[in-house]
Amino acid sequence: MYTVRVQSHFSSAHNLRGYKGKCEDLHGHNWRVETEVSSEKLDDIGMVVDFKELKKSLSDIVSGLDHKYLNDVEEFKQDNPTSENIARYISGCMSAKHPDLKVRSVTVWETETSSATYSE
């Protein structure tokens, strides 16, 4: 099994509905996102996927979240825009963009020391 990963970032604001504490109030993060994909085989030139292609896919996804109030983004109107739910959302988008690859995980950091990972 071959595995590759890329990172991107975005800035946005959110608040957590039903949370008892500071995170219930509007606040923002400079999020960092890492996705890891794998394949059992390599293409004709020896790659799982071109890093440039994978980075563009991730960048396209997070650009839809960048400088947004996440609670207003359709995917988070019902589910809280937690790191966990953001990771799951990005994983689904990456799977749709790369159906020939296995999205092993998506990790979302909301701070330098706090992250959540989604994997199927």
Protein backbone atom coordinates (compact mmCIF):
# COMPACT_ATOMS: atom_id res chain seq x y z
CA MET A 1 0.00 0.00 0.00
CA TYR A 2 1.30 3.45 -0.96
CA THR A 3 0.28 6.53 1.00
CA VAL A 4 0.72 10.23 0.24
CA ARG A 5 -0.44 13.28 2.13
CA VAL A 6 -0.78 17.01 1.57
CA GLN A 7 -1.68 19.96 3.73
CA SER A 8 -3.57 23.20 3.27
CA HIS A 9 -5.09 25.86 5.49
CA PHE A 10 -7.98 28.27 5.78
CA SER A 11 -9.28 30.94 8.14
CA SER A 12 -12.86 31.09 9.30
CA ALA A 13 -15.18 31.83 12.18
CA HIS A 14 -17.76 29.68 13.91
CA ASN A 15 -19.59 29.12 17.13
CA LEU A 16 -20.69 25.82 18.63
CA ARG A 17 -24.41 25.58 19.21
CA GLY A 18 -25.29 23.97 22.53
CA TYR A 19 -21.75 24.21 23.90
CA LYS A 20 -21.49 25.54 27.44
CA GLY A 21 -18.44 27.77 27.49
CA LYS A 22 -16.42 30.22 25.42
CA CYS A 23 -16.77 28.24 22.18
CA GLU A 24 -20.51 28.97 22.21
CA ASP A 25 -19.57 32.55 21.30
CA LEU A 26 -18.45 33.62 17.84
CA HIS A 27 -14.70 33.07 17.41
CA GLY A 28 -12.23 32.22 14.66
CA HIS A 29 -9.36 29.91 13.84
CA ASN A 30 -6.55 29.59 11.36
CA TRP A 31 -7.25 25.97 10.51
CA ARG A 32 -4.66 23.55 9.11
CA VAL A 33 -5.86 20.51 7.15
CA GLU A 34 -3.98 17.38 6.17
CA THR A 35 -5.38 14.64 3.97
CA GLU A 36 -3.84 11.23 3.44
CA VAL A 37 -4.76 9.06 0.46
CA SER A 38 -3.56 5.63 -0.56
CA SER A 39 -3.51 3.16 -3.40
CA GLU A 40 -2.28 -0.37 -3.86
CA LYS A 41 -0.85 0.49 -7.25
CA LEU A 42 1.11 3.29 -8.84
CA ASP A 43 0.37 5.00 -12.12
CA ASP A 44 2.50 4.60 -15.25
CA ILE A 45 5.18 6.98 -13.96
CA GLY A 46 5.32 5.60 -10.42
CA MET A 47 2.95 7.86 -8.45
CA VAL A 48 -0.15 7.34 -6.34
CA VAL A 49 -1.29 10.77 -7.53
CA ASP A 50 0.54 13.91 -8.53
CA PHE A 51 1.04 16.05 -5.40
CA LYS A 52 0.06 19.09 -7.46
CA GLU A 53 -3.30 17.52 -8.32
CA LEU A 54 -3.95 16.45 -4.72
CA LYS A 55 -3.01 19.88 -3.37
CA LYS A 56 -5.34 21.57 -5.86
CA SER A 57 -8.21 19.32 -4.83
CA LEU A 58 -7.69 20.10 -1.16
CA SER A 59 -7.22 23.80 -1.89
CA ASP A 60 -10.46 23.89 -3.90
CA ILE A 61 -12.36 22.30 -1.00
CA VAL A 62 -10.99 24.56 1.73
CA SER A 63 -11.44 27.67 -0.42
CA GLY A 64 -15.18 27.12 0.08
CA LEU A 65 -14.59 27.43 3.83
CA ASP A 66 -12.01 30.21 3.80
CA HIS A 67 -13.08 33.52 5.35
CA LYS A 68 -16.58 32.19 5.99
CA TYR A 69 -18.82 32.02 9.00
CA LEU A 70 -18.98 28.22 9.02
CA ASN A 71 -22.39 28.06 10.69
CA ASP A 72 -23.82 29.62 7.51
CA VAL A 73 -22.20 27.03 5.21
CA GLU A 74 -24.89 24.56 4.10
CA GLU A 75 -23.02 21.48 5.40
CA PHE A 76 -22.91 22.93 8.92
CA LYS A 77 -26.39 24.38 9.30
CA GLN A 78 -27.50 21.19 11.10
CA ASP A 79 -24.21 19.73 12.32
CA ASN A 80 -21.96 21.93 14.44
CA PRO A 81 -18.85 23.10 12.56
CA THR A 82 -16.55 21.22 14.93
CA SER A 83 -13.10 20.06 13.87
CA GLU A 84 -14.52 16.54 13.74
CA ASN A 85 -17.37 17.47 11.40
CA ILE A 86 -15.12 19.63 9.23
CA ALA A 87 -12.72 16.68 8.84
CA ARG A 88 -15.61 14.38 7.84
CA TYR A 89 -16.91 16.93 5.34
CA ILE A 90 -13.49 17.38 3.72
CA SER A 91 -13.01 13.60 3.58
CA GLY A 92 -16.27 13.21 1.68
CA CYS A 93 -15.30 15.95 -0.76
CA MET A 94 -11.88 14.39 -1.35
CA SER A 95 -13.46 10.97 -1.94
CA ALA A 96 -15.78 12.50 -4.54
CA LYS A 97 -12.87 14.21 -6.30
CA HIS A 98 -10.66 11.09 -6.24
CA PRO A 99 -12.91 8.01 -6.41
CA ASP A 100 -9.96 5.88 -7.55
CA LEU A 101 -8.06 6.57 -4.30
CA LYS A 102 -8.77 5.62 -0.70
CA VAL A 103 -9.01 8.68 1.53
CA ARG A 104 -7.37 7.22 4.62
CA SER A 105 -7.77 10.23 6.86
CA VAL A 106 -8.33 13.95 7.13
CA THR A 107 -6.93 15.81 10.13
CA VAL A 108 -8.07 19.31 11.00
CA TRP A 109 -6.12 21.45 13.49
CA GLU A 110 -7.92 24.38 15.04
CA THR A 111 -4.82 25.32 17.04
CA GLU A 112 -1.18 24.25 16.98
CA THR A 113 -1.90 21.67 19.67
CA SER A 114 -5.50 20.55 19.04
CA SER A 115 -6.73 18.48 16.12
CA ALA A 116 -9.39 15.99 15.11
CA THR A 117 -9.03 13.19 12.56
CA TYR A 118 -11.72 11.51 10.50
CA SER A 119 -11.10 8.19 8.76
CA GLU A 120 -13.44 5.61 7.32
